[in-house]
N, C-alpha and C. Protein backbone atom coordinates (compact mmCIF):
# COMPACT_ATOMS: atom_id res chain seq x y z
N MET A 1 -1.90 -25.91 -0.64
CA MET A 1 -2.77 -24.97 0.03
C MET A 1 -3.69 -25.69 1.01
N ALA A 2 -4.02 -26.94 0.75
CA ALA A 2 -4.90 -27.66 1.65
C ALA A 2 -4.27 -27.86 3.02
N ALA A 3 -2.95 -27.83 3.10
CA ALA A 3 -2.26 -28.06 4.36
C ALA A 3 -2.09 -26.79 5.18
N LEU A 4 -2.50 -25.65 4.67
CA LEU A 4 -2.33 -24.39 5.40
C LEU A 4 -3.27 -24.33 6.59
N ASP A 5 -2.76 -23.81 7.69
CA ASP A 5 -3.56 -23.67 8.91
C ASP A 5 -4.07 -22.23 9.01
N TYR A 6 -5.33 -22.06 8.69
CA TYR A 6 -5.94 -20.73 8.73
C TYR A 6 -6.33 -20.32 10.14
N GLY A 7 -6.37 -21.26 11.04
CA GLY A 7 -6.80 -20.98 12.40
C GLY A 7 -8.32 -20.79 12.45
N PRO A 8 -8.82 -20.45 13.63
CA PRO A 8 -10.27 -20.27 13.76
C PRO A 8 -10.75 -19.00 13.06
N ARG A 9 -12.00 -19.03 12.63
CA ARG A 9 -12.61 -17.86 11.99
C ARG A 9 -12.64 -16.70 12.99
N PRO A 10 -12.10 -15.54 12.62
CA PRO A 10 -12.07 -14.42 13.57
C PRO A 10 -13.46 -13.79 13.74
N GLU A 11 -14.01 -13.92 14.91
CA GLU A 11 -15.34 -13.34 15.17
C GLU A 11 -15.28 -11.82 15.22
N ASN A 12 -14.14 -11.26 15.59
CA ASN A 12 -13.99 -9.81 15.69
C ASN A 12 -13.26 -9.23 14.48
N TYR A 13 -13.48 -9.81 13.31
CA TYR A 13 -12.75 -9.41 12.11
C TYR A 13 -12.96 -7.93 11.76
N GLU A 14 -14.14 -7.39 11.99
CA GLU A 14 -14.36 -5.98 11.67
C GLU A 14 -13.46 -5.08 12.51
N GLN A 15 -13.31 -5.40 13.78
CA GLN A 15 -12.44 -4.60 14.66
C GLN A 15 -10.97 -4.74 14.25
N ILE A 16 -10.56 -5.96 13.89
CA ILE A 16 -9.18 -6.17 13.45
C ILE A 16 -8.89 -5.34 12.21
N VAL A 17 -9.81 -5.34 11.25
CA VAL A 17 -9.64 -4.55 10.02
C VAL A 17 -9.61 -3.06 10.35
N GLN A 18 -10.54 -2.59 11.17
CA GLN A 18 -10.58 -1.16 11.53
C GLN A 18 -9.28 -0.74 12.22
N ASP A 19 -8.76 -1.56 13.11
CA ASP A 19 -7.50 -1.25 13.79
C ASP A 19 -6.35 -1.14 12.79
N TYR A 20 -6.30 -2.05 11.83
CA TYR A 20 -5.26 -2.01 10.81
C TYR A 20 -5.38 -0.75 9.96
N LEU A 21 -6.60 -0.43 9.54
CA LEU A 21 -6.81 0.72 8.67
C LEU A 21 -6.49 2.04 9.36
N ARG A 22 -6.56 2.06 10.68
CA ARG A 22 -6.24 3.28 11.43
C ARG A 22 -4.82 3.77 11.11
N THR A 23 -3.92 2.85 10.80
CA THR A 23 -2.54 3.23 10.49
C THR A 23 -2.26 3.26 8.99
N ALA A 24 -3.17 2.73 8.18
CA ALA A 24 -2.93 2.61 6.74
C ALA A 24 -3.59 3.70 5.90
N LEU A 25 -4.57 4.40 6.46
CA LEU A 25 -5.31 5.39 5.69
C LEU A 25 -4.81 6.80 5.97
N VAL A 26 -5.08 7.71 5.04
CA VAL A 26 -4.68 9.11 5.19
C VAL A 26 -5.49 9.77 6.30
N ALA A 27 -6.81 9.60 6.25
CA ALA A 27 -7.70 10.22 7.23
C ALA A 27 -8.65 9.16 7.79
N PRO A 28 -8.13 8.25 8.64
CA PRO A 28 -8.96 7.14 9.11
C PRO A 28 -10.21 7.58 9.86
N GLU A 29 -10.17 8.70 10.52
CA GLU A 29 -11.34 9.15 11.27
C GLU A 29 -12.48 9.60 10.36
N PHE A 30 -12.18 9.90 9.09
CA PHE A 30 -13.20 10.33 8.14
C PHE A 30 -13.46 9.32 7.03
N ALA A 31 -12.68 8.25 6.99
CA ALA A 31 -12.81 7.25 5.93
C ALA A 31 -14.14 6.51 6.05
N ILE A 32 -14.67 6.16 4.90
CA ILE A 32 -15.88 5.35 4.83
C ILE A 32 -15.45 3.94 4.44
N VAL A 33 -15.70 2.99 5.33
CA VAL A 33 -15.29 1.60 5.13
C VAL A 33 -16.54 0.74 5.10
N GLN A 34 -16.73 0.03 3.99
CA GLN A 34 -17.87 -0.86 3.85
C GLN A 34 -17.38 -2.30 3.70
N PHE A 35 -17.83 -3.17 4.58
CA PHE A 35 -17.48 -4.58 4.51
C PHE A 35 -18.39 -5.24 3.48
N LYS A 36 -17.78 -5.85 2.46
CA LYS A 36 -18.54 -6.41 1.34
C LYS A 36 -18.60 -7.93 1.33
N ALA A 37 -17.54 -8.61 1.74
CA ALA A 37 -17.53 -10.07 1.69
C ALA A 37 -16.49 -10.62 2.67
N GLY A 38 -16.74 -11.83 3.12
CA GLY A 38 -15.81 -12.50 4.02
C GLY A 38 -16.29 -12.40 5.46
N PRO A 39 -15.52 -12.93 6.34
CA PRO A 39 -14.24 -13.60 6.10
C PRO A 39 -14.42 -15.04 5.61
N ARG A 40 -13.54 -15.38 4.66
CA ARG A 40 -13.46 -16.74 4.12
C ARG A 40 -12.00 -17.11 3.95
N PRO A 41 -11.65 -18.37 4.13
CA PRO A 41 -10.26 -18.77 3.91
C PRO A 41 -9.87 -18.51 2.45
N LEU A 42 -8.72 -17.88 2.26
CA LEU A 42 -8.28 -17.54 0.91
C LEU A 42 -6.76 -17.44 0.89
N TYR A 43 -6.20 -17.89 -0.21
CA TYR A 43 -4.76 -17.77 -0.45
C TYR A 43 -4.53 -16.55 -1.32
N GLN A 44 -3.56 -15.72 -0.98
CA GLN A 44 -3.26 -14.51 -1.73
C GLN A 44 -2.61 -14.90 -3.06
N LYS A 45 -3.33 -14.73 -4.15
CA LYS A 45 -2.84 -15.17 -5.45
C LYS A 45 -1.75 -14.27 -6.01
N ASN A 46 -1.81 -12.99 -5.69
CA ASN A 46 -0.83 -12.04 -6.22
C ASN A 46 -0.35 -11.09 -5.12
N ALA A 47 0.92 -10.74 -5.20
CA ALA A 47 1.51 -9.75 -4.30
C ALA A 47 2.57 -8.99 -5.10
N VAL A 48 2.76 -7.73 -4.75
CA VAL A 48 3.74 -6.92 -5.48
C VAL A 48 5.01 -6.75 -4.67
N PHE A 49 6.02 -6.20 -5.31
CA PHE A 49 7.32 -5.95 -4.69
C PHE A 49 7.97 -7.23 -4.16
N PHE A 50 7.71 -8.34 -4.83
CA PHE A 50 8.33 -9.61 -4.48
C PHE A 50 8.04 -10.03 -3.04
N ARG A 51 6.94 -9.59 -2.51
CA ARG A 51 6.53 -10.02 -1.17
C ARG A 51 6.07 -11.47 -1.23
N ASP A 52 6.26 -12.17 -0.13
CA ASP A 52 5.74 -13.53 -0.05
C ASP A 52 4.23 -13.48 -0.05
N ARG A 53 3.63 -14.42 -0.75
CA ARG A 53 2.17 -14.52 -0.73
C ARG A 53 1.74 -15.06 0.63
N GLN A 54 0.61 -14.57 1.08
CA GLN A 54 0.10 -14.97 2.38
C GLN A 54 -1.24 -15.67 2.23
N TYR A 55 -1.77 -16.11 3.32
CA TYR A 55 -3.08 -16.75 3.35
C TYR A 55 -3.74 -16.37 4.67
N GLY A 56 -5.03 -16.53 4.72
CA GLY A 56 -5.74 -16.24 5.95
C GLY A 56 -7.22 -16.10 5.68
N TRP A 57 -7.92 -15.60 6.66
CA TRP A 57 -9.34 -15.32 6.54
C TRP A 57 -9.45 -13.99 5.82
N ALA A 58 -9.87 -14.01 4.57
CA ALA A 58 -9.87 -12.80 3.74
C ALA A 58 -11.19 -12.04 3.88
N VAL A 59 -11.06 -10.72 3.90
CA VAL A 59 -12.19 -9.81 4.00
C VAL A 59 -12.07 -8.77 2.90
N CYS A 60 -13.15 -8.59 2.13
CA CYS A 60 -13.18 -7.57 1.08
C CYS A 60 -13.89 -6.34 1.63
N VAL A 61 -13.24 -5.19 1.52
CA VAL A 61 -13.84 -3.93 1.93
C VAL A 61 -13.72 -2.91 0.81
N MET A 62 -14.67 -2.00 0.76
CA MET A 62 -14.58 -0.83 -0.13
C MET A 62 -14.27 0.35 0.76
N ILE A 63 -13.30 1.15 0.33
CA ILE A 63 -12.83 2.26 1.15
C ILE A 63 -12.95 3.56 0.37
N ARG A 64 -13.41 4.57 1.06
CA ARG A 64 -13.40 5.93 0.51
C ARG A 64 -12.67 6.79 1.53
N ASP A 65 -11.44 7.09 1.22
CA ASP A 65 -10.55 7.85 2.11
C ASP A 65 -10.40 9.26 1.57
N LYS A 66 -9.88 10.14 2.39
CA LYS A 66 -9.56 11.49 1.92
C LYS A 66 -8.13 11.50 1.40
N ASP A 67 -7.87 12.38 0.43
CA ASP A 67 -6.50 12.53 -0.04
C ASP A 67 -5.77 13.53 0.85
N ARG A 68 -4.54 13.81 0.55
CA ARG A 68 -3.73 14.70 1.39
C ARG A 68 -4.26 16.14 1.40
N ARG A 69 -5.07 16.50 0.41
CA ARG A 69 -5.67 17.85 0.38
C ARG A 69 -6.98 17.92 1.15
N GLY A 70 -7.49 16.76 1.57
CA GLY A 70 -8.72 16.72 2.34
C GLY A 70 -9.96 16.40 1.54
N ALA A 71 -9.82 16.15 0.24
CA ALA A 71 -10.97 15.81 -0.60
C ALA A 71 -11.14 14.28 -0.62
N TYR A 72 -12.39 13.84 -0.68
CA TYR A 72 -12.63 12.40 -0.76
C TYR A 72 -12.19 11.86 -2.12
N GLU A 73 -11.52 10.70 -2.07
CA GLU A 73 -11.13 9.99 -3.28
C GLU A 73 -12.30 9.11 -3.73
N GLU A 74 -12.16 8.55 -4.93
CA GLU A 74 -13.13 7.56 -5.40
C GLU A 74 -12.98 6.30 -4.53
N PRO A 75 -14.05 5.58 -4.29
CA PRO A 75 -13.94 4.34 -3.51
C PRO A 75 -13.05 3.32 -4.22
N TYR A 76 -12.31 2.55 -3.43
CA TYR A 76 -11.45 1.51 -3.99
C TYR A 76 -11.53 0.27 -3.10
N PRO A 77 -11.31 -0.90 -3.69
CA PRO A 77 -11.38 -2.15 -2.91
C PRO A 77 -10.05 -2.44 -2.22
N MET A 78 -10.16 -3.18 -1.12
CA MET A 78 -8.99 -3.69 -0.44
C MET A 78 -9.38 -5.07 0.11
N VAL A 79 -8.47 -6.01 0.01
CA VAL A 79 -8.68 -7.33 0.60
C VAL A 79 -7.60 -7.53 1.65
N LEU A 80 -8.05 -7.83 2.85
CA LEU A 80 -7.14 -8.03 3.98
C LEU A 80 -7.19 -9.48 4.41
N TYR A 81 -6.03 -10.03 4.73
CA TYR A 81 -5.88 -11.42 5.14
C TYR A 81 -5.57 -11.46 6.63
N LEU A 82 -6.44 -12.10 7.39
CA LEU A 82 -6.32 -12.16 8.84
C LEU A 82 -5.93 -13.56 9.28
N ARG A 83 -5.01 -13.60 10.22
CA ARG A 83 -4.60 -14.87 10.81
C ARG A 83 -4.02 -14.57 12.18
N GLY A 84 -4.41 -15.34 13.17
CA GLY A 84 -3.87 -15.15 14.51
C GLY A 84 -4.27 -13.82 15.13
N GLY A 85 -5.43 -13.30 14.76
CA GLY A 85 -5.91 -12.06 15.36
C GLY A 85 -5.31 -10.78 14.82
N LYS A 86 -4.64 -10.88 13.65
CA LYS A 86 -4.07 -9.66 13.06
C LYS A 86 -4.08 -9.75 11.55
N VAL A 87 -3.86 -8.63 10.89
CA VAL A 87 -3.76 -8.57 9.43
C VAL A 87 -2.34 -8.99 9.05
N VAL A 88 -2.23 -10.04 8.23
CA VAL A 88 -0.92 -10.52 7.80
C VAL A 88 -0.56 -10.06 6.40
N ALA A 89 -1.56 -9.61 5.63
CA ALA A 89 -1.31 -9.11 4.27
C ALA A 89 -2.54 -8.35 3.80
N ALA A 90 -2.31 -7.51 2.79
CA ALA A 90 -3.41 -6.75 2.20
C ALA A 90 -3.14 -6.53 0.73
N ASN A 91 -4.18 -6.57 -0.06
CA ASN A 91 -4.09 -6.18 -1.47
C ASN A 91 -4.84 -4.87 -1.62
N GLY A 92 -4.15 -3.86 -2.18
CA GLY A 92 -4.80 -2.59 -2.46
C GLY A 92 -4.46 -1.48 -1.50
N ASP A 93 -3.45 -1.65 -0.65
CA ASP A 93 -3.12 -0.57 0.29
C ASP A 93 -1.73 -0.02 0.04
N GLY A 94 -1.45 1.12 0.62
CA GLY A 94 -0.13 1.71 0.66
C GLY A 94 0.58 1.83 -0.67
N LEU A 95 1.85 1.46 -0.69
CA LEU A 95 2.69 1.61 -1.87
C LEU A 95 2.24 0.73 -3.03
N GLU A 96 1.56 -0.36 -2.72
CA GLU A 96 1.15 -1.27 -3.78
C GLU A 96 -0.21 -0.92 -4.34
N ARG A 97 -0.74 0.24 -4.01
CA ARG A 97 -2.13 0.53 -4.33
C ARG A 97 -2.45 0.40 -5.81
N ALA A 98 -1.63 0.88 -6.70
CA ALA A 98 -1.95 0.82 -8.14
C ALA A 98 -2.14 -0.62 -8.60
N ALA A 99 -1.16 -1.47 -8.38
CA ALA A 99 -1.28 -2.87 -8.78
C ALA A 99 -2.18 -3.63 -7.82
N GLY A 100 -2.12 -3.28 -6.55
CA GLY A 100 -2.88 -3.98 -5.53
C GLY A 100 -4.37 -3.85 -5.70
N VAL A 101 -4.85 -2.74 -6.24
CA VAL A 101 -6.29 -2.58 -6.45
C VAL A 101 -6.77 -3.59 -7.49
N ARG A 102 -5.98 -3.82 -8.52
CA ARG A 102 -6.34 -4.84 -9.51
C ARG A 102 -6.43 -6.20 -8.83
N TYR A 103 -5.46 -6.52 -7.98
CA TYR A 103 -5.48 -7.78 -7.26
C TYR A 103 -6.69 -7.84 -6.32
N ALA A 104 -7.00 -6.71 -5.69
CA ALA A 104 -8.15 -6.66 -4.78
C ALA A 104 -9.45 -6.94 -5.52
N HIS A 105 -9.58 -6.43 -6.76
CA HIS A 105 -10.77 -6.74 -7.56
C HIS A 105 -10.93 -8.25 -7.72
N GLU A 106 -9.83 -8.91 -8.08
CA GLU A 106 -9.86 -10.36 -8.30
C GLU A 106 -10.20 -11.11 -7.02
N GLN A 107 -9.59 -10.70 -5.91
CA GLN A 107 -9.81 -11.40 -4.65
C GLN A 107 -11.22 -11.14 -4.11
N CYS A 108 -11.74 -9.92 -4.28
CA CYS A 108 -13.12 -9.64 -3.87
C CYS A 108 -14.09 -10.54 -4.65
N ALA A 109 -13.82 -10.71 -5.95
CA ALA A 109 -14.67 -11.59 -6.76
C ALA A 109 -14.60 -13.03 -6.25
N ALA A 110 -13.41 -13.47 -5.86
CA ALA A 110 -13.27 -14.83 -5.31
C ALA A 110 -14.05 -14.98 -4.01
N LEU A 111 -14.23 -13.88 -3.29
CA LEU A 111 -14.99 -13.90 -2.04
C LEU A 111 -16.48 -13.73 -2.25
N GLY A 112 -16.88 -13.41 -3.50
CA GLY A 112 -18.30 -13.29 -3.81
C GLY A 112 -18.81 -11.89 -4.01
N TYR A 113 -17.92 -10.89 -4.09
CA TYR A 113 -18.35 -9.51 -4.32
C TYR A 113 -17.69 -8.99 -5.59
N GLU A 114 -18.50 -8.59 -6.55
CA GLU A 114 -17.99 -8.01 -7.78
C GLU A 114 -17.89 -6.50 -7.60
N VAL A 115 -16.66 -5.98 -7.66
CA VAL A 115 -16.42 -4.55 -7.49
C VAL A 115 -16.98 -3.82 -8.72
N PRO A 116 -17.79 -2.78 -8.51
CA PRO A 116 -18.36 -2.04 -9.67
C PRO A 116 -17.29 -1.30 -10.46
């Protein structure tokens, strides 16, 4: 892991995350996104569906999105890995949400934010 090239710290990480979430959330225009920790260099310890583990500048966010009926869901954590100006991996989104949220809790803690 010491040999991994994380690249420069992304100064526009909030915009990169917001752009990514625009395609990943049910109702991105109404979602509440709170940046909790990061960006810090981090290796993705867990991934589901046999995906390759990634690394990058990790950012922990808490998200409150609407469900398909239009009601707000409970907030959930997501950790996004940025490298080269884009999101290369995420824990807690899309199809991996059930297992990924558990991974996101662990990664948020590694970044310094304990998910309630």
